[in-house]
Structure formats: structure tokens, C-alpha cells
């Protein structure tokens, strides 16, 4: 008589290895980093000069750099010096706001009161 028949096929293993989903953790980390990168890119998409300079100065201060170049502040000081040298400090004011450097010109410096014609 013939003995028990041997099969050439191995039975499928129903056990799940613990490492079979290890790639998911790496994938989740990569997706999270990409999301954070694009959120930062979105936040810097509209370049605000004043805010950019403040962030740059804060980072430089925290990293220990002593000299911080701030072009908007330097331009404002140059404009203040120019306004003072021309003697029109009462008619012109120089400010820095969220839009950048703002020059405010008093209307009485250019127009006669009650008139729409420019002064010579």
C-alpha cells in the first residue's frame, strides 16, 4: 500500500509579522515633514519686508551674530537724514509699517489752503 501522499505546496502562513507595517511609520514621518515644509512655504509666499527683517534679526540674535543688517531700517535712517538736511521735517514724516517704508507728506507743503493748485 501506498503511504500518505506528500504535497508540493506549502500551506499559507496566517501569522502576521510585527515588522510587516514598519514602512508605515517612515511614510507617516515623511508625509508630516512634507506637510510642515509646504505650510512654511505658504507662510512665506507673500514676502513682507518688515516681518522678514524682524524674523531675520531674531534668528541672527539667537544664533549669536552680532551685526545684523536691516535694509529697511538703514533706508529709513538715510531718509530721515535727508529730510532733516533739506529742512522739511515739519512737512515730511518717515515711518515703517507692515507695508514697508511710508513717506507722509503734509498737504500744506504743496497746496495753498483752499486751493487745488500746487505751490511753486
Protein backbone atom coordinates (compact mmCIF):
# COMPACT_ATOMS: atom_id res chain seq x y z
CA UNK A 1 0.00 0.00 0.00
CA UNK A 2 0.96 3.49 -0.57
CA UNK A 3 1.82 5.75 2.29
CA UNK A 4 0.48 9.26 2.92
CA UNK A 5 0.79 11.50 -0.05
CA UNK A 6 3.18 14.46 0.21
CA UNK A 7 2.10 17.79 -1.18
CA UNK A 8 4.46 20.03 -3.10
CA UNK A 9 2.67 23.13 -1.88
CA UNK A 10 3.37 24.68 1.45
CA UNK A 11 0.39 25.82 3.45
CA UNK A 12 -0.05 29.61 3.61
CA UNK A 13 1.10 31.17 6.83
CA UNK A 14 -1.67 33.07 8.56
CA UNK A 15 0.70 34.68 11.03
CA UNK A 16 1.47 38.36 10.51
CA UNK A 17 4.95 39.55 11.29
CA UNK A 18 5.21 42.58 13.55
CA UNK A 19 7.60 44.26 11.08
CA UNK A 20 5.27 43.97 8.11
CA UNK A 21 3.89 47.50 8.69
CA UNK A 22 7.15 49.16 9.76
CA UNK A 23 7.26 51.13 6.49
CA UNK A 24 4.09 52.94 7.55
CA UNK A 25 5.89 54.80 10.34
CA UNK A 26 8.59 56.04 7.95
CA UNK A 27 5.95 57.03 5.40
CA UNK A 28 3.95 58.92 8.02
CA UNK A 29 7.07 60.81 9.13
CA UNK A 30 7.90 61.76 5.54
CA UNK A 31 4.36 62.98 4.85
CA UNK A 32 4.34 65.02 8.08
CA UNK A 33 7.65 66.66 7.17
CA UNK A 34 6.39 67.45 3.67
CA UNK A 35 3.24 68.99 5.13
CA UNK A 36 5.28 71.14 7.52
CA UNK A 37 7.55 72.20 4.64
CA UNK A 38 4.63 73.30 2.46
CA UNK A 39 2.97 75.12 5.36
CA UNK A 40 6.19 77.09 5.83
CA UNK A 41 6.41 77.75 2.08
CA UNK A 42 2.84 79.03 2.13
CA UNK A 43 3.50 81.31 5.08
CA UNK A 44 6.47 82.89 3.28
CA UNK A 45 4.72 83.11 -0.09
CA UNK A 46 3.87 86.79 0.41
CA UNK A 47 7.14 88.42 1.33
CA UNK A 48 6.59 91.13 3.90
CA UNK A 49 9.85 93.05 4.10
CA UNK A 50 9.38 94.36 7.63
CA UNK A 51 8.34 90.99 9.08
CA UNK A 52 11.10 89.24 7.14
CA UNK A 53 13.69 91.59 8.60
CA UNK A 54 12.32 91.10 12.11
CA UNK A 55 12.46 87.31 11.75
CA UNK A 56 15.94 87.53 10.24
CA UNK A 57 17.16 89.75 13.10
CA UNK A 58 15.63 87.40 15.69
CA UNK A 59 17.26 84.34 14.17
CA UNK A 60 20.61 86.11 13.89
CA UNK A 61 20.36 87.28 17.51
CA UNK A 62 19.50 83.79 18.72
CA UNK A 63 22.36 82.25 16.75
CA UNK A 64 24.83 84.70 18.23
CA UNK A 65 25.61 87.01 15.32
CA UNK A 66 26.46 90.49 16.50
CA UNK A 67 26.00 92.52 13.31
CA UNK A 68 22.51 92.46 11.85
CA UNK A 69 21.98 94.23 8.52
CA UNK A 70 18.44 95.58 8.20
CA UNK A 71 18.00 97.33 4.84
CA UNK A 72 14.60 98.89 5.66
CA UNK A 73 15.89 100.41 8.91
CA UNK A 74 19.03 101.62 7.14
CA UNK A 75 16.95 103.22 4.36
CA UNK A 76 14.70 104.87 6.94
CA UNK A 77 17.67 106.41 8.73
CA UNK A 78 19.04 107.67 5.40
CA UNK A 79 15.65 109.19 4.54
CA UNK A 80 15.43 110.83 7.99
CA UNK A 81 18.88 112.34 7.45
CA UNK A 82 17.87 113.61 4.00
CA UNK A 83 14.62 115.13 5.30
CA UNK A 84 16.48 116.89 8.11
CA UNK A 85 19.19 118.18 5.76
CA UNK A 86 16.55 119.62 3.41
CA UNK A 87 14.77 121.31 6.31
CA UNK A 88 11.36 119.83 5.58
CA UNK A 89 11.00 117.76 8.75
CA UNK A 90 7.74 119.53 9.63
CA UNK A 91 6.15 118.60 6.26
CA UNK A 92 7.56 115.06 5.78
CA UNK A 93 7.43 112.10 8.13
CA UNK A 94 9.14 108.74 7.56
CA UNK A 95 7.62 105.60 9.15
CA UNK A 96 7.96 101.84 8.88
CA UNK A 97 4.75 99.82 8.88
CA UNK A 98 3.67 96.39 7.63
CA UNK A 99 3.68 97.65 4.03
CA UNK A 100 7.27 98.87 4.27
CA UNK A 101 8.61 102.42 4.46
CA UNK A 102 5.93 105.11 4.29
CA UNK A 103 6.59 108.76 3.50
CA UNK A 104 3.77 111.03 4.65
CA UNK A 105 3.75 114.45 3.04
CA UNK A 106 1.74 117.27 4.63
CA UNK A 107 -0.73 118.85 2.23
CA UNK A 108 0.10 122.42 3.31
CA UNK A 109 3.63 121.93 1.98
CA UNK A 110 2.34 121.51 -1.58
CA UNK A 111 -1.03 123.29 -1.74
CA UNK A 112 -2.28 126.68 -0.69
CA UNK A 113 -5.13 126.47 1.82
CA UNK A 114 -8.44 126.06 -0.01
CA UNK A 115 -6.77 125.71 -3.40
CA UNK A 116 -6.11 122.80 -5.73
CA UNK A 117 -3.11 124.34 -7.45
CA UNK A 118 0.40 123.35 -6.48
CA UNK A 119 2.74 125.79 -4.80
CA UNK A 120 5.75 126.85 -6.84
